[in-house]
Protein backbone atom coordinates (compact mmCIF):
# COMPACT_ATOMS: atom_id res chain seq x y z
CA UNK A 1 108.57 -0.78 -50.98
CA UNK A 2 111.42 0.13 -53.34
CA UNK A 3 109.01 -0.03 -56.28
CA UNK A 4 106.87 2.72 -54.72
CA UNK A 5 109.94 4.88 -54.12
CA UNK A 6 111.05 4.48 -57.74
CA UNK A 7 107.53 5.22 -58.93
CA UNK A 8 107.38 8.43 -56.86
CA UNK A 9 110.79 9.54 -58.15
CA UNK A 10 109.76 8.77 -61.74
CA UNK A 11 106.51 10.72 -61.50
CA UNK A 12 108.31 13.66 -59.87
CA UNK A 13 110.89 13.76 -62.68
CA UNK A 14 108.16 13.55 -65.29
CA UNK A 15 106.28 16.48 -63.75
CA UNK A 16 109.48 18.53 -63.58
CA UNK A 17 110.18 17.88 -67.26
CA UNK A 18 106.65 18.34 -68.63
CA UNK A 19 105.35 21.26 -66.52
CA UNK A 20 107.71 23.93 -67.93
CA UNK A 21 106.76 22.95 -71.48
CA UNK A 22 103.03 23.11 -70.75
CA UNK A 23 103.25 26.50 -69.03
CA UNK A 24 105.84 28.20 -71.22
CA UNK A 25 105.78 31.93 -70.70
CA UNK A 26 107.40 34.28 -73.15
CA UNK A 27 108.79 37.67 -72.23
CA UNK A 28 107.08 40.59 -73.99
CA UNK A 29 107.40 44.36 -73.90
CA UNK A 30 104.18 46.36 -73.90
CA UNK A 31 104.56 50.03 -74.75
CA UNK A 32 102.09 52.75 -75.64
CA UNK A 33 102.28 55.26 -78.48
CA UNK A 34 102.50 58.73 -77.00
CA UNK A 35 103.38 60.59 -80.19
CA UNK A 36 100.15 62.56 -80.42
CA UNK A 37 99.33 63.19 -76.75
CA UNK A 38 100.13 62.17 -73.21
CA UNK A 39 98.89 58.75 -72.12
CA UNK A 40 95.88 59.11 -69.80
CA UNK A 41 96.54 57.72 -66.33
CA UNK A 42 93.36 55.61 -66.44
CA UNK A 43 94.64 53.80 -69.57
CA UNK A 44 97.89 52.97 -67.77
CA UNK A 45 95.92 51.71 -64.76
CA UNK A 46 93.61 49.63 -66.99
CA UNK A 47 96.62 48.02 -68.71
CA UNK A 48 98.13 47.12 -65.34
CA UNK A 49 94.71 45.87 -64.21
CA UNK A 50 94.10 43.52 -67.10
CA UNK A 51 97.64 42.19 -66.83
CA UNK A 52 96.82 41.29 -63.24
CA UNK A 53 93.39 39.96 -64.24
CA UNK A 54 94.95 37.59 -66.80
CA UNK A 55 97.59 36.39 -64.34
CA UNK A 56 100.42 37.96 -66.33
CA UNK A 57 103.55 38.73 -64.32
CA UNK A 58 104.94 42.25 -64.76
CA UNK A 59 108.71 41.97 -64.42
CA UNK A 60 109.75 45.58 -65.09
CA UNK A 61 108.12 48.99 -65.49
CA UNK A 62 109.89 51.51 -67.71
CA UNK A 63 110.10 55.19 -66.86
CA UNK A 64 111.64 56.53 -70.08
CA UNK A 65 108.94 54.99 -72.24
CA UNK A 66 105.39 54.33 -71.09
CA UNK A 67 105.51 50.55 -70.90
CA UNK A 68 106.47 47.41 -69.04
CA UNK A 69 107.89 43.92 -69.51
CA UNK A 70 105.58 40.95 -69.01
CA UNK A 71 105.92 37.19 -68.72
CA UNK A 72 102.96 35.95 -70.77
CA UNK A 73 101.98 32.27 -70.99
CA UNK A 74 101.22 31.21 -74.59
CA UNK A 75 97.59 30.39 -73.81
CA UNK A 76 97.00 33.91 -72.42
CA UNK A 77 98.59 35.79 -75.35
CA UNK A 78 95.40 35.94 -77.52
CA UNK A 79 93.39 37.30 -74.56
CA UNK A 80 96.04 39.95 -73.91
CA UNK A 81 96.00 41.02 -77.56
CA UNK A 82 92.20 41.33 -77.44
CA UNK A 83 92.40 43.50 -74.32
CA UNK A 84 94.91 45.77 -76.10
CA UNK A 85 92.58 46.05 -79.11
CA UNK A 86 89.75 47.00 -76.72
CA UNK A 87 91.94 49.73 -75.18
CA UNK A 88 92.72 51.12 -78.62
CA UNK A 89 89.05 51.08 -79.60
CA UNK A 90 87.82 52.67 -76.36
CA UNK A 91 90.58 55.23 -75.77
CA UNK A 92 92.34 55.67 -79.12
CA UNK A 93 95.69 54.68 -77.60
CA UNK A 94 97.80 52.18 -79.51
CA UNK A 95 99.53 49.50 -77.44
CA UNK A 96 102.56 47.81 -78.98
CA UNK A 97 103.25 44.25 -77.83
CA UNK A 98 106.51 42.71 -79.00
CA UNK A 99 108.59 39.77 -77.91
CA UNK A 100 111.49 40.79 -75.69
CA UNK A 101 114.82 39.99 -77.34
CA UNK A 102 118.46 40.58 -76.62
CA UNK A 103 120.02 43.51 -78.42
CA UNK A 104 123.76 43.49 -79.04
CA UNK A 105 125.85 46.53 -79.92
CA UNK A 106 129.15 46.01 -81.68
CA UNK A 107 131.92 48.60 -81.75
CA UNK A 108 132.00 48.76 -85.56
CA UNK A 109 128.30 49.68 -85.61
CA UNK A 110 128.51 52.49 -83.05
């Protein structure tokens, strides 16, 4: 009986250790270039739609810039990049996808 309990505990620990590595999601910022004209609402809706379609979690929508932060699993990243290329081809709107990083400001640089 104790052997089964130890086996269950061991398998549970293994799953807890391996699962986060297999499903690693990186945080990315997706923004759209609005330098030439306003971003059409349907492009914004399509971007939100394909994020949902790919199972990407939107963690924050920005109001100052037209963009949002996403948690993107590694295996989904190529599909997301292809969808962005399709948006650019179909609508002429450039989407910028970059890894979200910490930015530090130091007093001597301000």
